[in-house]
Amino acid sequence: MTPDETPIAWLALEPGAPVFTSDGEEVGRVTTVVADRQKDIFSGVRVRLGLFDRERFVPADLIERLTTDGAHLRLASDDVDDRLGPADA
């Protein structure tokens, strides 16, 4: 984590935030935060990978941390396509 990355709660994560792999590559942008606000349960995020790719769902257990810089995954760049399912799954 760089000094300017401040941890944030899932409530502060906004659509358009970048999504980074564990090796630092930006792979997409958050389109939707998936959560139950009433119960304070964070399930994950929907992301758009690349310009023409459809949305994919990233479950909370694959997200290492949320910061002012974006969502940081526990996945390396090479694992993203294999491990993320469609957003409507």
Protein backbone atom coordinates (compact mmCIF):
# COMPACT_ATOMS: atom_id res chain seq x y z
CA MET A 1 0.00 0.00 0.00
CA THR A 2 1.33 3.41 -0.90
CA PRO A 3 1.19 6.25 1.64
CA ASP A 4 -1.66 7.99 -0.22
CA GLU A 5 -3.92 4.87 -0.17
CA THR A 6 -6.32 5.36 2.69
CA PRO A 7 -8.48 2.35 3.61
CA ILE A 8 -12.20 2.94 3.11
CA ALA A 9 -15.40 1.09 4.01
CA TRP A 10 -17.45 -0.53 1.27
CA LEU A 11 -20.05 2.23 1.76
CA ALA A 12 -17.51 4.77 0.45
CA LEU A 13 -16.64 2.79 -2.70
CA GLU A 14 -18.24 4.46 -5.71
CA PRO A 15 -19.03 3.36 -9.24
CA GLY A 16 -16.17 4.24 -11.54
CA ALA A 17 -13.49 3.37 -8.99
CA PRO A 18 -10.59 1.46 -10.56
CA VAL A 19 -10.05 -2.23 -9.85
CA PHE A 20 -6.46 -3.46 -9.47
CA THR A 21 -4.98 -6.95 -9.46
CA SER A 22 -2.53 -8.10 -6.80
CA ASP A 23 0.31 -7.38 -9.23
CA GLY A 24 -0.82 -3.77 -9.63
CA GLU A 25 -2.53 -3.88 -13.04
CA GLU A 26 -5.73 -1.88 -13.45
CA VAL A 27 -8.18 -4.36 -14.98
CA GLY A 28 -11.46 -2.48 -14.89
CA ARG A 29 -13.87 -0.16 -13.13
CA VAL A 30 -16.52 -0.74 -10.48
CA THR A 31 -20.03 -0.50 -11.93
CA THR A 32 -22.03 -1.53 -8.85
CA VAL A 33 -21.36 -2.25 -5.18
CA VAL A 34 -23.32 -5.38 -4.27
CA ALA A 35 -24.44 -5.20 -0.65
CA ASP A 36 -27.34 -5.21 1.77
CA ARG A 37 -27.17 -1.76 3.32
CA GLN A 38 -29.85 -2.57 5.91
CA LYS A 39 -27.83 -5.49 7.30
CA ASP A 40 -24.40 -3.96 6.54
CA ILE A 41 -23.36 -6.98 4.48
CA PHE A 42 -20.88 -6.44 1.63
CA SER A 43 -21.13 -9.18 -1.01
CA GLY A 44 -18.74 -7.83 -3.64
CA VAL A 45 -18.67 -5.61 -6.70
CA ARG A 46 -19.64 -5.77 -10.33
CA VAL A 47 -16.87 -4.58 -12.61
CA ARG A 48 -16.48 -3.89 -16.29
CA LEU A 49 -13.23 -5.39 -17.50
CA GLY A 50 -11.90 -3.54 -20.51
CA LEU A 51 -13.90 -1.39 -22.87
CA PHE A 52 -15.90 -4.12 -24.62
CA ASP A 53 -16.09 -6.85 -21.97
CA ARG A 54 -19.36 -7.43 -20.16
CA GLU A 55 -19.70 -6.97 -16.43
CA ARG A 56 -18.19 -9.54 -14.09
CA PHE A 57 -18.90 -10.22 -10.41
CA VAL A 58 -16.07 -10.07 -7.87
CA PRO A 59 -17.08 -11.68 -4.56
CA ALA A 60 -15.95 -9.96 -1.38
CA ASP A 61 -13.55 -12.79 -0.51
CA LEU A 62 -11.50 -12.00 -3.64
CA ILE A 63 -11.10 -8.35 -2.65
CA GLU A 64 -8.02 -7.76 -0.52
CA ARG A 65 -8.76 -4.15 0.39
CA LEU A 66 -10.72 -1.05 -0.55
CA THR A 67 -8.85 2.23 -0.57
CA THR A 68 -9.21 5.78 -1.83
CA ASP A 69 -7.38 4.51 -4.95
CA GLY A 70 -9.94 1.76 -5.69
CA ALA A 71 -10.59 -1.93 -5.13
CA HIS A 72 -7.53 -4.18 -4.83
CA LEU A 73 -8.04 -7.86 -5.67
CA ARG A 74 -6.36 -10.95 -4.25
CA LEU A 75 -5.99 -12.16 -7.86
CA ALA A 76 -3.03 -11.74 -10.17
CA SER A 77 -3.67 -10.44 -13.70
CA ASP A 78 -3.39 -13.93 -15.20
CA ASP A 79 -6.13 -15.29 -12.90
CA VAL A 80 -8.86 -12.69 -13.51
CA ASP A 81 -10.52 -14.27 -16.55
CA ASP A 82 -10.60 -17.73 -14.98
CA ARG A 83 -11.84 -16.73 -11.52
CA LEU A 84 -14.51 -14.08 -12.15
CA GLY A 85 -17.97 -15.08 -13.21
CA PRO A 86 -20.61 -13.14 -15.09
CA ALA A 87 -22.24 -10.29 -13.19
CA ASP A 88 -25.65 -11.96 -13.34
CA ALA A 89 -24.49 -15.23 -11.75
